[in-house]
Amino acid sequence: MIRGAALAAEFNPLHNGHRYIMKQAKIKTGAGFLGVVMSGNFTQRGELAVFDKFLRTKTALLNGTDIVLELPVVYATGAADIFAEGCCKTIESAGIFDYMVFGCEAESTEILTAAADILTSEPTAFKTALKENSKKGLRFPKARELALCSLLSAEDEIFSMPNNILAVEYIKQLKLLNSEVIPIGIKRLGADYKDEDINSCFSSASAVRKALGENRTEEVSSAVPENVFSLYIEEIKKGSRCLNDYTEMLRYIILKTGAKGLKEICDITEGLENKIYKNSDFETAESLADRLKSKRYTRTKLTRGLLHILLDIKKEDVMPPKPLPYIRVLGVKKNKTQLLGLLSENARVPVLINIKKDIEKLSPSGRTLFAKETFASDLYNLGKKGDDFTKGLIIV
């Protein structure tokens, strides 16, 4: 069988740095084709994607991807471990990939693999260091980061960088799945992920999103592939979406659900449900996140939790870990349509290509998950129904 590699990505939006990683993925693995497991209309930071999943699928296919698989929304909007779990389960269940590729800030995957080994086995020394750090009043992510650094004699901050955090989780999840898929890290080039200024041809997605929103088209053109620049400019004219568009809907759901019901929502933890309910007089959804931000609750955790309230994603939807009920194909290259047959023959779960027809293959749990996906699409489109059923497979 042809050797394949898969990349986990959001492409929010796709830029020159993403194209570089896709090119390097094929070079480093020698793979005959490259797949991407891509989040849909909502992202891991609890935000709406700047462009919908169909446009982002097209940009991926135009820039090195051969087939795009959708990461279900319950995983795509999850914390790093849940996001990684969904990506790895999709790649493993596809049965056609030998490699999983990801961008990272680390020079090599050795230190990331060592960290993943510790998190998988949780040796006594790690538990002790974690406990000591927690006693100092540190949030769990920081306590874990420092524990890993001390055990591995690693440089400060290496395990606080977002792509490294995800990379460690990818490797850990592959280990937990006893997968034979080989993880390959590729060092990112250019700007820091938090850099909101476009200052090189390898700028961050944050910088590109900001420039698009401020109509700084000349700057955008230097940071994204030429073959997608016009697509971005045309689409951004229609207006961008943000969490504040759902302020009144969010308030209604909070009041209707009540604190007891909010406690069941994913990422609503440690009494946060009471704080959200007591602050239901918020002016905007974003201002609610600002109001609740504290040492205990990061802003990303808060926006992710508010998004889960809107999408009705409960803790039970992701915990304990559940089998992946299906794989959905969003798009494929015109000259690689044979991959659809290869995937259908080798996948360990049903494959959705023609939604109206293939949905009949799904188990009850698969139908429940897909219903959350269609609801998420309807919500993203502010009530306009049908995208998941009316937009067919993207072929470029």
Protein backbone atom coordinates (compact mmCIF):
# COMPACT_ATOMS: atom_id res chain seq x y z
CA MET A 1 0.00 0.00 0.00
CA ILE A 2 1.15 3.57 -0.68
CA ARG A 3 2.76 5.16 2.38
CA GLY A 4 0.72 8.08 3.69
CA ALA A 5 1.34 10.88 6.18
CA ALA A 6 -1.26 12.87 8.07
CA LEU A 7 -1.08 16.36 9.54
CA ALA A 8 -3.21 17.69 12.40
CA ALA A 9 -4.21 21.30 11.71
CA GLU A 10 -6.76 24.08 12.01
CA PHE A 11 -5.62 26.26 9.06
CA ASN A 12 -7.29 29.26 10.68
CA PRO A 13 -6.44 30.49 8.11
CA LEU A 14 -3.85 28.62 6.06
CA HIS A 15 -0.68 30.68 5.62
CA ASN A 16 2.87 30.29 4.30
CA GLY A 17 4.04 28.55 7.47
CA HIS A 18 1.42 25.85 6.99
CA ARG A 19 2.45 25.33 3.37
CA TYR A 20 6.07 24.97 4.49
CA ILE A 21 5.13 22.26 7.03
CA MET A 22 3.08 20.37 4.43
CA LYS A 23 6.01 20.42 2.00
CA GLN A 24 8.43 19.28 4.70
CA ALA A 25 6.01 16.53 5.75
CA LYS A 26 6.29 14.86 2.36
CA ILE A 27 10.06 15.36 2.23
CA LYS A 28 10.75 13.99 5.73
CA THR A 29 8.43 10.98 5.46
CA GLY A 30 8.74 10.15 1.77
CA ALA A 31 4.97 9.67 1.83
CA GLY A 32 3.11 9.21 -1.41
CA PHE A 33 0.21 11.32 -0.19
CA LEU A 34 -0.58 13.77 2.59
CA GLY A 35 -3.80 13.87 4.54
CA VAL A 36 -4.97 16.51 6.99
CA VAL A 37 -7.22 16.09 10.00
CA MET A 38 -8.74 19.56 10.23
CA SER A 39 -11.09 21.15 12.75
CA GLY A 40 -14.43 22.31 11.40
CA ASN A 41 -16.06 25.68 12.03
CA PHE A 42 -14.91 26.10 15.64
CA THR A 43 -11.39 26.00 17.02
CA GLN A 44 -9.41 24.65 19.95
CA ARG A 45 -9.10 28.10 21.58
CA GLY A 46 -12.88 28.41 21.84
CA GLU A 47 -13.25 30.70 18.83
CA LEU A 48 -15.12 30.66 15.55
CA ALA A 49 -12.91 29.86 12.58
CA VAL A 50 -12.25 32.93 10.43
CA PHE A 51 -13.48 31.02 7.36
CA ASP A 52 -15.78 28.01 7.21
CA LYS A 53 -14.48 24.47 6.91
CA PHE A 54 -15.29 24.15 3.22
CA LEU A 55 -13.22 27.17 2.19
CA ARG A 56 -10.39 26.07 4.46
CA THR A 57 -10.56 22.59 2.90
CA LYS A 58 -10.14 24.15 -0.53
CA THR A 59 -7.10 26.16 0.61
CA ALA A 60 -5.52 22.99 1.99
CA LEU A 61 -6.04 21.08 -1.25
CA LEU A 62 -4.55 23.95 -3.24
CA ASN A 63 -1.38 23.93 -1.17
CA GLY A 64 -0.14 20.38 -0.74
CA THR A 65 -2.88 18.34 0.90
CA ASP A 66 -4.33 15.35 -0.95
CA ILE A 67 -7.26 14.52 1.32
CA VAL A 68 -8.95 16.41 4.18
CA LEU A 69 -10.71 14.65 7.06
CA GLU A 70 -12.85 16.54 9.55
CA LEU A 71 -12.04 16.51 13.25
CA PRO A 72 -15.42 16.19 15.02
CA VAL A 73 -16.48 19.32 16.89
CA VAL A 74 -16.42 17.67 20.34
CA TYR A 75 -12.67 17.13 19.84
CA ALA A 76 -11.90 20.26 17.81
CA THR A 77 -13.08 22.54 20.63
CA GLY A 78 -11.48 20.53 23.42
CA ALA A 79 -8.42 21.14 25.57
CA ALA A 80 -5.08 19.92 24.22
CA ASP A 81 -5.50 16.32 25.38
CA ILE A 82 -9.00 16.01 23.90
CA PHE A 83 -8.01 17.74 20.65
CA ALA A 84 -5.03 15.40 20.32
CA GLU A 85 -7.15 12.36 21.16
CA GLY A 86 -9.54 13.14 18.33
CA CYS A 87 -6.75 13.77 15.82
CA CYS A 88 -4.90 10.58 16.72
CA LYS A 89 -8.03 8.43 16.73
CA THR A 90 -8.96 9.75 13.29
CA ILE A 91 -5.50 9.04 11.88
CA GLU A 92 -5.31 5.60 13.50
CA SER A 93 -8.86 4.66 12.47
CA ALA A 94 -8.26 5.69 8.85
CA GLY A 95 -5.85 2.78 8.40
CA ILE A 96 -3.93 4.47 5.55
CA PHE A 97 -1.35 6.58 7.36
CA ASP A 98 2.15 5.52 8.44
CA TYR A 99 3.11 8.90 9.88
CA MET A 100 1.55 11.69 11.92
CA VAL A 101 3.18 15.06 11.29
CA PHE A 102 2.83 18.21 13.39
CA GLY A 103 4.44 21.60 13.72
CA CYS A 104 6.29 22.35 16.95
CA GLU A 105 8.66 24.86 18.50
CA ALA A 106 11.14 22.20 19.67
CA GLU A 107 14.30 21.50 17.66
CA SER A 108 13.58 17.76 17.73
CA THR A 109 10.91 15.34 18.92
CA GLU A 110 13.24 13.61 21.42
CA ILE A 111 12.40 15.91 24.34
CA LEU A 112 8.70 15.82 23.42
CA THR A 113 8.72 12.01 23.30
CA ALA A 114 10.45 11.87 26.67
CA ALA A 115 7.73 14.13 28.12
CA ALA A 116 5.01 11.96 26.57
CA ASP A 117 6.60 8.86 28.14
CA ILE A 118 6.46 10.51 31.57
CA LEU A 119 2.84 11.59 31.16
CA THR A 120 1.89 8.09 30.00
CA SER A 121 3.62 6.17 32.81
CA GLU A 122 3.44 8.86 35.55
CA PRO A 123 6.48 7.73 37.57
CA THR A 124 6.68 8.49 41.28
CA ALA A 125 9.19 11.30 40.78
CA PHE A 126 6.78 13.08 38.43
CA LYS A 127 3.83 12.70 40.81
CA THR A 128 5.92 14.07 43.66
CA ALA A 129 7.11 17.08 41.66
CA LEU A 130 3.57 17.74 40.44
CA LYS A 131 2.21 17.60 44.00
CA GLU A 132 4.88 19.97 45.28
CA ASN A 133 4.22 22.48 42.51
CA SER A 134 0.46 22.31 43.13
CA LYS A 135 1.05 23.09 46.82
CA LYS A 136 2.61 26.37 45.70
CA GLY A 137 -0.75 27.42 44.31
CA LEU A 138 0.15 26.87 40.65
CA ARG A 139 -2.56 25.94 38.15
CA PHE A 140 -2.34 22.34 36.98
CA PRO A 141 -0.87 23.12 33.51
CA LYS A 142 1.95 25.19 35.05
CA ALA A 143 2.57 22.64 37.79
CA ARG A 144 2.83 19.88 35.19
CA GLU A 145 5.07 21.98 32.96
CA LEU A 146 7.55 22.65 35.76
CA ALA A 147 7.49 19.00 36.85
CA LEU A 148 8.40 17.89 33.32
CA CYS A 149 11.16 20.49 33.07
CA SER A 150 12.71 19.38 36.35
CA LEU A 151 12.68 15.67 35.48
CA LEU A 152 14.04 16.21 31.98
CA SER A 153 16.42 19.08 32.79
CA ALA A 154 14.65 20.96 30.03
CA GLU A 155 14.83 24.67 29.34
CA ASP A 156 12.16 26.87 30.89
CA GLU A 157 8.98 27.45 28.89
CA ILE A 158 9.53 24.59 26.42
CA PHE A 159 6.40 22.82 27.65
CA SER A 160 4.34 26.02 27.79
CA MET A 161 4.57 26.64 24.03
CA PRO A 162 1.19 25.69 22.51
CA ASN A 163 2.48 23.62 19.60
CA ASN A 164 4.83 21.74 21.91
CA ILE A 165 1.95 21.09 24.31
CA LEU A 166 -0.08 19.61 21.47
CA ALA A 167 2.92 17.68 20.14
CA VAL A 168 3.44 15.98 23.51
CA GLU A 169 -0.26 15.11 23.61
CA TYR A 170 -0.16 13.69 20.06
CA ILE A 171 2.73 11.40 20.97
CA LYS A 172 1.06 10.41 24.25
CA GLN A 173 -2.24 9.61 22.55
CA LEU A 174 -0.54 7.46 19.91
CA LYS A 175 1.12 5.52 22.74
CA LEU A 176 -2.20 5.06 24.53
CA LEU A 177 -3.71 3.73 21.30
CA ASN A 178 -0.77 1.32 20.84
CA SER A 179 -0.56 2.82 17.38
CA GLU A 180 2.14 1.95 14.85
CA VAL A 181 1.80 5.43 13.34
CA ILE A 182 5.14 7.23 13.65
CA PRO A 183 5.06 10.82 15.04
CA ILE A 184 7.20 13.35 13.17
CA GLY A 185 7.73 16.90 14.44
CA ILE A 186 8.67 19.77 12.12
CA LYS A 187 10.04 22.96 13.62
CA ARG A 188 7.91 25.98 12.84
CA LEU A 189 9.48 28.94 11.09
CA GLY A 190 8.91 32.66 11.61
CA ALA A 191 6.76 34.52 14.10
CA ASP A 192 5.67 33.44 17.55
CA TYR A 193 2.06 32.23 17.69
CA LYS A 194 1.12 35.27 19.85
CA ASP A 195 2.71 37.78 17.46
CA GLU A 196 -0.12 39.85 15.96
CA ASP A 197 2.06 41.80 13.55
CA ILE A 198 2.89 40.62 10.06
CA ASN A 199 6.63 41.09 9.77
CA SER A 200 7.83 38.27 7.56
CA CYS A 201 6.59 35.80 4.98
CA PHE A 202 6.13 33.36 7.89
CA SER A 203 3.66 35.21 10.11
CA SER A 204 1.33 33.72 12.70
CA ALA A 205 -2.29 32.84 12.07
CA SER A 206 -3.22 35.41 14.73
CA ALA A 207 -1.44 38.13 12.75
CA VAL A 208 -3.14 37.09 9.51
CA ARG A 209 -6.58 37.08 11.15
CA LYS A 210 -5.98 40.52 12.63
CA ALA A 211 -4.76 41.94 9.30
CA LEU A 212 -7.76 40.49 7.49
CA GLY A 213 -10.12 42.03 10.02
CA GLU A 214 -8.44 45.43 9.62
CA ASN A 215 -8.44 45.17 5.81
CA ARG A 216 -4.64 45.38 5.57
CA THR A 217 -4.69 43.41 2.35
CA GLU A 218 -1.16 44.20 1.19
CA GLU A 219 0.27 42.76 4.41
CA VAL A 220 -1.94 39.68 4.11
CA SER A 221 -0.68 39.04 0.59
CA SER A 222 2.89 38.64 1.86
CA ALA A 223 1.90 36.09 4.51
CA VAL A 224 -0.38 33.70 2.63
CA PRO A 225 -0.02 31.61 -0.56
CA GLU A 226 -0.85 33.54 -3.70
CA ASN A 227 -3.42 30.97 -4.77
CA VAL A 228 -5.65 31.65 -1.73
CA PHE A 229 -5.18 35.38 -1.22
CA SER A 230 -8.13 36.38 -3.44
CA LEU A 231 -10.33 33.77 -1.74
CA TYR A 232 -9.59 35.31 1.64
CA ILE A 233 -10.23 38.88 0.51
CA GLU A 234 -13.53 37.98 -1.15
CA GLU A 235 -14.77 36.00 1.85
CA ILE A 236 -13.75 38.55 4.48
CA LYS A 237 -15.90 41.16 2.69
CA LYS A 238 -18.94 39.18 3.85
CA GLY A 239 -17.99 39.91 7.46
CA SER A 240 -16.31 37.83 10.12
CA ARG A 241 -17.96 35.95 12.96
CA CYS A 242 -17.14 36.12 16.65
CA LEU A 243 -18.43 34.91 20.00
CA ASN A 244 -20.17 38.23 20.63
CA ASP A 245 -22.61 37.46 17.79
CA TYR A 246 -24.15 34.89 20.15
CA THR A 247 -24.41 37.06 23.27
CA GLU A 248 -28.18 36.93 23.70
CA MET A 249 -28.35 33.25 22.79
CA LEU A 250 -25.66 32.51 25.35
CA ARG A 251 -27.49 34.49 28.06
CA TYR A 252 -30.73 32.63 27.32
CA ILE A 253 -29.05 29.22 27.52
CA ILE A 254 -27.27 30.12 30.78
CA LEU A 255 -30.50 31.31 32.43
CA LYS A 256 -32.52 28.38 31.11
CA THR A 257 -29.93 25.75 32.02
CA GLY A 258 -29.13 27.03 35.48
CA ALA A 259 -25.97 26.45 37.49
CA LYS A 260 -26.74 22.77 38.06
CA GLY A 261 -27.10 22.13 34.33
CA LEU A 262 -24.02 24.20 33.46
CA LYS A 263 -21.95 21.93 35.68
CA GLU A 264 -22.46 19.14 33.13
CA ILE A 265 -20.90 21.17 30.30
CA CYS A 266 -17.38 20.38 29.15
CA ASP A 267 -14.73 22.74 30.60
CA ILE A 268 -17.11 24.11 33.24
CA THR A 269 -15.25 23.02 36.37
CA GLU A 270 -14.32 23.98 39.94
CA GLY A 271 -17.47 25.98 40.70
CA LEU A 272 -17.25 27.95 37.46
CA GLU A 273 -20.92 27.15 36.78
CA ASN A 274 -21.97 29.31 39.75
CA LYS A 275 -19.80 32.23 38.67
CA ILE A 276 -21.21 32.12 35.14
CA TYR A 277 -24.80 31.97 36.35
CA LYS A 278 -24.30 34.81 38.87
CA ASN A 279 -22.79 36.99 36.12
CA SER A 280 -25.61 36.53 33.60
CA ASP A 281 -25.99 40.32 33.34
CA PHE A 282 -22.96 40.46 31.02
CA GLU A 283 -22.95 42.97 28.16
CA THR A 284 -21.26 40.69 25.63
CA ALA A 285 -19.99 37.11 25.59
CA GLU A 286 -16.40 38.34 25.39
CA SER A 287 -16.92 40.69 28.36
CA LEU A 288 -18.18 37.74 30.41
CA ALA A 289 -14.92 35.91 29.70
CA ASP A 290 -12.99 39.03 30.69
CA ARG A 291 -14.98 39.39 33.90
CA LEU A 292 -14.37 35.78 34.96
CA LYS A 293 -10.67 35.62 34.04
CA SER A 294 -8.47 34.91 37.07
CA LYS A 295 -5.44 32.94 38.20
CA ARG A 296 -7.65 29.86 38.29
CA TYR A 297 -9.43 30.41 34.97
CA THR A 298 -7.45 31.35 31.87
CA ARG A 299 -9.25 33.27 29.17
CA THR A 300 -8.88 30.38 26.72
CA LYS A 301 -10.48 27.98 29.20
CA LEU A 302 -13.34 30.44 29.67
CA THR A 303 -14.03 31.05 25.98
CA ARG A 304 -13.85 27.31 25.38
CA GLY A 305 -16.34 26.74 28.17
CA LEU A 306 -18.73 29.42 26.86
CA LEU A 307 -18.51 27.90 23.39
CA HIS A 308 -19.35 24.49 24.83
CA ILE A 309 -22.42 26.01 26.50
CA LEU A 310 -23.56 27.30 23.10
CA LEU A 311 -22.83 23.99 21.35
CA ASP A 312 -24.23 21.86 24.19
CA ILE A 313 -21.05 19.81 24.44
CA LYS A 314 -21.15 17.99 27.76
CA LYS A 315 -18.43 16.26 29.76
CA GLU A 316 -20.04 12.94 28.92
CA ASP A 317 -19.43 13.60 25.21
CA VAL A 318 -15.68 13.24 25.68
CA MET A 319 -15.09 11.59 29.06
CA PRO A 320 -14.28 8.83 29.51
CA PRO A 321 -12.58 8.47 26.10
CA LYS A 322 -14.92 6.96 23.55
CA PRO A 323 -14.37 5.08 20.28
CA LEU A 324 -14.44 7.24 17.14
CA PRO A 325 -17.77 6.37 15.43
CA TYR A 326 -16.94 7.60 11.91
CA ILE A 327 -14.53 9.47 9.66
CA ARG A 328 -15.81 12.29 7.48
CA VAL A 329 -14.07 13.33 4.27
CA LEU A 330 -14.34 17.04 3.50
CA GLY A 331 -12.31 17.11 0.30
CA VAL A 332 -9.82 15.40 -1.99
CA LYS A 333 -7.48 16.35 -4.82
CA LYS A 334 -8.90 15.64 -8.27
CA ASN A 335 -5.87 13.56 -9.20
CA LYS A 336 -5.98 11.60 -5.91
CA THR A 337 -9.62 10.50 -5.81
CA GLN A 338 -8.38 6.90 -5.56
CA LEU A 339 -7.67 7.74 -1.92
CA LEU A 340 -11.41 7.62 -1.29
CA GLY A 341 -11.46 3.95 -2.22
CA LEU A 342 -8.28 3.27 -0.27
CA LEU A 343 -9.77 4.91 2.81
CA SER A 344 -13.09 3.09 2.50
CA GLU A 345 -11.30 -0.26 2.19
CA ASN A 346 -8.93 0.23 5.12
CA ALA A 347 -10.82 2.38 7.64
CA ARG A 348 -11.82 0.71 10.88
CA VAL A 349 -14.98 2.84 11.17
CA PRO A 350 -17.64 4.01 8.66
CA VAL A 351 -16.45 6.64 6.19
CA LEU A 352 -18.74 9.55 5.28
CA ILE A 353 -18.19 10.82 1.74
CA ASN A 354 -21.72 11.32 0.42
CA ILE A 355 -23.46 12.52 3.57
CA LYS A 356 -27.06 11.88 2.53
CA LYS A 357 -26.21 8.31 1.58
CA ASP A 358 -23.47 7.36 4.01
CA ILE A 359 -25.21 8.61 7.15
CA GLU A 360 -27.23 5.39 7.04
CA LYS A 361 -24.04 3.52 8.00
CA LEU A 362 -23.81 5.20 11.37
CA SER A 363 -24.49 3.66 14.76
CA PRO A 364 -26.70 5.51 17.26
CA SER A 365 -23.59 7.06 18.84
CA GLY A 366 -22.37 8.07 15.39
CA ARG A 367 -25.68 9.75 14.60
CA THR A 368 -25.57 11.61 17.92
CA LEU A 369 -22.06 12.90 17.19
CA PHE A 370 -22.97 13.92 13.65
CA ALA A 371 -26.07 15.73 14.93
CA LYS A 372 -23.78 17.86 17.10
CA GLU A 373 -21.70 18.55 13.98
CA THR A 374 -24.69 19.73 11.94
CA PHE A 375 -25.92 21.85 14.86
CA ALA A 376 -22.47 23.45 15.10
CA SER A 377 -22.56 24.26 11.38
CA ASP A 378 -26.03 25.79 11.68
CA LEU A 379 -24.89 27.86 14.65
CA TYR A 380 -21.77 29.02 12.81
CA ASN A 381 -23.99 30.19 9.94
CA LEU A 382 -26.29 32.00 12.39
CA GLY A 383 -29.25 29.75 11.74
CA LYS A 384 -28.77 29.07 8.03
CA LYS A 385 -29.34 25.34 7.76
CA GLY A 386 -28.08 22.70 5.39
CA ASP A 387 -24.34 23.25 4.81
CA ASP A 388 -23.37 19.77 5.93
CA PHE A 389 -25.94 18.24 3.59
CA THR A 390 -25.97 20.68 0.65
CA LYS A 391 -22.24 21.25 0.21
CA GLY A 392 -20.74 18.16 -1.33
CA LEU A 393 -17.21 16.87 -1.32
CA ILE A 394 -14.68 19.58 -2.21
CA ILE A 395 -12.61 18.43 -5.20
CA VAL A 396 -9.78 20.63 -6.48
